[in-house]
C-alpha atoms as a PDB file:
ATOM      1  CA  MET A   1       7.318  -2.150  25.733  1.00  0.00           C
ATOM      2  CA  GLU A   2       6.032  -5.752  25.601  1.00  0.00           C
ATOM      3  CA  LYS A   3       5.997  -7.457  22.310  1.00  0.00           C
ATOM      4  CA  ASN A   4       2.690  -8.079  22.370  1.00  0.00           C
ATOM      5  CA  ILE A   5       1.439  -4.512  23.178  1.00  0.00           C
ATOM      6  CA  TYR A   6       4.221  -3.253  20.258  1.00  0.00           C
ATOM      7  CA  TYR A   7       2.693  -5.149  17.806  1.00  0.00           C
ATOM      8  CA  SER A   8      -0.981  -4.379  18.592  1.00  0.00           C
ATOM      9  CA  THR A   9      -0.697  -1.070  19.083  1.00  0.00           C
ATOM     10  CA  VAL A  10       1.884   0.347  16.347  1.00  0.00           C
ATOM     11  CA  PHE A  11       0.658  -0.387  12.911  1.00  0.00           C
ATOM     12  CA  ILE A  12       1.233   0.956   9.371  1.00  0.00           C
ATOM     13  CA  LEU A  13      -0.764   3.395   8.117  1.00  0.00           C
ATOM     14  CA  PHE A  14      -1.887   4.456   4.363  1.00  0.00           C
ATOM     15  CA  LEU A  15      -1.485   8.241   3.517  1.00  0.00           C
ATOM     16  CA  PHE A  16      -2.165   9.803   0.037  1.00  0.00           C
ATOM     17  CA  ILE A  17      -3.570   6.787  -1.284  1.00  0.00           C
ATOM     18  CA  GLY A  18      -4.296   7.954  -5.011  1.00  0.00           C
ATOM     19  CA  ILE A  19      -6.280   5.764  -7.639  1.00  0.00           C
ATOM     20  CA  GLN A  20      -5.882   6.804 -11.151  1.00  0.00           C
ATOM     21  CA  SER A  21      -6.933   5.641 -14.467  1.00  0.00           C
ATOM     22  CA  LEU A  22      -3.502   5.257 -16.518  1.00  0.00           C
ATOM     23  CA  TYR A  23      -4.447   3.641 -19.788  1.00  0.00           C
ATOM     24  CA  ALA A  24      -7.483   3.648 -22.205  1.00  0.00           C
ATOM     25  CA  GLN A  25      -6.896  -0.402 -22.032  1.00  0.00           C
ATOM     26  CA  GLY A  26      -8.554  -0.615 -18.650  1.00  0.00           C
ATOM     27  CA  THR A  27      -5.502  -0.234 -16.319  1.00  0.00           C
ATOM     28  CA  GLY A  28      -4.667   2.324 -13.952  1.00  0.00           C
ATOM     29  CA  THR A  29      -2.097   3.017 -11.037  1.00  0.00           C
ATOM     30  CA  VAL A  30      -2.077   2.715  -7.424  1.00  0.00           C
ATOM     31  CA  SER A  31       0.254   5.073  -5.436  1.00  0.00           C
ATOM     32  CA  GLY A  32       0.735   5.981  -1.958  1.00  0.00           C
ATOM     33  CA  THR A  33       2.828   6.827   1.319  1.00  0.00           C
ATOM     34  CA  VAL A  34       3.693   4.044   4.057  1.00  0.00           C
ATOM     35  CA  VAL A  35       4.032   5.786   7.425  1.00  0.00           C
ATOM     36  CA  ASP A  36       4.145   4.785  11.058  1.00  0.00           C
ATOM     37  CA  LYS A  37       1.139   5.943  12.366  1.00  0.00           C
ATOM     38  CA  ALA A  38       2.487   6.922  15.714  1.00  0.00           C
ATOM     39  CA  SER A  39       5.470   8.863  14.574  1.00  0.00           C
ATOM     40  CA  GLY A  40       4.564   9.780  11.048  1.00  0.00           C
ATOM     41  CA  GLU A  41       7.672   8.828   9.924  1.00  0.00           C
ATOM     42  CA  ALA A  42       8.085   7.359   6.334  1.00  0.00           C
ATOM     43  CA  LEU A  43       8.942   3.407   6.397  1.00  0.00           C
ATOM     44  CA  ILE A  44      11.330   2.486   3.748  1.00  0.00           C
ATOM     45  CA  GLY A  45      11.304  -0.868   2.196  1.00  0.00           C
ATOM     46  CA  VAL A  46       7.847  -1.939   3.182  1.00  0.00           C
ATOM     47  CA  ASN A  47       6.282  -4.845   0.887  1.00  0.00           C
ATOM     48  CA  VAL A  48       2.845  -3.110  -0.828  1.00  0.00           C
ATOM     49  CA  PHE A  49       0.703  -5.579  -3.040  1.00  0.00           C
ATOM     50  CA  LEU A  50      -2.328  -6.341  -4.628  1.00  0.00           C
ATOM     51  CA  GLU A  51      -3.300  -9.441  -2.358  1.00  0.00           C
ATOM     52  CA  GLY A  52      -4.289 -12.468  -4.902  1.00  0.00           C
ATOM     53  CA  THR A  53      -2.200 -11.304  -7.537  1.00  0.00           C
ATOM     54  CA  SER A  54       1.643 -11.201  -8.276  1.00  0.00           C
ATOM     55  CA  ILE A  55       1.541  -7.335  -8.741  1.00  0.00           C
ATOM     56  CA  GLY A  56       3.749  -5.731  -5.769  1.00  0.00           C
ATOM     57  CA  THR A  57       6.635  -3.214  -5.002  1.00  0.00           C
ATOM     58  CA  ALA A  58       8.623  -2.021  -1.938  1.00  0.00           C
ATOM     59  CA  SER A  59       8.228   1.593  -0.777  1.00  0.00           C
ATOM     60  CA  PHE A  60      10.887   3.989  -1.746  1.00  0.00           C
ATOM     61  CA  ASN A  61      13.231   6.101   0.841  1.00  0.00           C
ATOM     62  CA  ASP A  62      10.369   8.671   1.225  1.00  0.00           C
ATOM     63  CA  GLY A  63       7.927   5.982   1.873  1.00  0.00           C
ATOM     64  CA  LYS A  64       6.205   6.534  -1.443  1.00  0.00           C
ATOM     65  CA  TYR A  65       5.093   3.309  -3.434  1.00  0.00           C
ATOM     66  CA  ILE A  66       3.766   3.391  -7.313  1.00  0.00           C
ATOM     67  CA  LEU A  67       2.042   0.574  -9.090  1.00  0.00           C
ATOM     68  CA  HIS A  68       1.551   0.923 -12.852  1.00  0.00           C
ATOM     69  CA  GLN A  69      -0.914  -1.126 -15.062  1.00  0.00           C
ATOM     70  CA  VAL A  70      -3.211  -2.431 -12.489  1.00  0.00           C
ATOM     71  CA  PRO A  71      -6.098  -4.476 -14.415  1.00  0.00           C
ATOM     72  CA  ALA A  72      -9.214  -2.486 -13.514  1.00  0.00           C
ATOM     73  CA  GLY A  73     -11.224  -4.186 -10.830  1.00  0.00           C
ATOM     74  CA  THR A  74     -11.494  -3.849  -6.970  1.00  0.00           C
ATOM     75  CA  TYR A  75      -8.477  -5.044  -4.869  1.00  0.00           C
ATOM     76  CA  ASN A  76      -6.955  -5.504  -1.204  1.00  0.00           C
ATOM     77  CA  ILE A  77      -3.844  -3.376  -1.348  1.00  0.00           C
ATOM     78  CA  GLY A  78      -1.746  -5.119   1.774  1.00  0.00           C
ATOM     79  CA  VAL A  79       1.356  -4.337   3.152  1.00  0.00           C
ATOM     80  CA  ARG A  80       3.930  -5.905   5.137  1.00  0.00           C
ATOM     81  CA  TYR A  81       7.042  -4.568   7.383  1.00  0.00           C
ATOM     82  CA  ILE A  82       9.048  -6.633   9.468  1.00  0.00           C
ATOM     83  CA  GLY A  83       8.067  -5.685  13.314  1.00  0.00           C
ATOM     84  CA  TYR A  84       4.622  -4.324  12.380  1.00  0.00           C
ATOM     85  CA  LYS A  85       1.200  -5.632  12.029  1.00  0.00           C
ATOM     86  CA  ASP A  86       0.240  -6.605   8.355  1.00  0.00           C
ATOM     87  CA  GLN A  87      -2.450  -4.058   7.003  1.00  0.00           C
ATOM     88  CA  SER A  88      -4.775  -4.093   3.907  1.00  0.00           C
ATOM     89  CA  ILE A  89      -7.238  -1.467   2.214  1.00  0.00           C
ATOM     90  CA  SER A  90      -9.754  -2.117  -0.139  1.00  0.00           C
ATOM     91  CA  ALA A  91      -9.238  -0.328  -3.534  1.00  0.00           C
ATOM     92  CA  THR A  92     -11.224  -0.053  -6.913  1.00  0.00           C
ATOM     93  CA  ILE A  93      -9.410   0.806 -10.298  1.00  0.00           C
ATOM     94  CA  VAL A  94     -11.888   1.724 -12.736  1.00  0.00           C
ATOM     95  CA  ALA A  95     -11.130   1.349 -16.611  1.00  0.00           C
ATOM     96  CA  ASN A  96     -11.275   4.388 -18.673  1.00  0.00           C
ATOM     97  CA  GLY A  97     -11.677   6.078 -15.730  1.00  0.00           C
END
């Protein structure tokens, strides 16, 4: 398949994005699973981060990721993985929620 078509048709999909309040101090946790949209296979080692911050992690062997102690607010959760188009999704962490 031509490289440009591959990059435009295959992309990362967030599944099971959970946003929960974690502590009374106004922080929360963001967790989910990163999979290939076409095959549904979990993607290992995907960089998952909150854009504009230094908060980030990599997905585990089952595609799951978790970000702890995220300050309350609205963020764009970004993902980067070699061979895939960068993606982001907006999420709001609610203090004491």
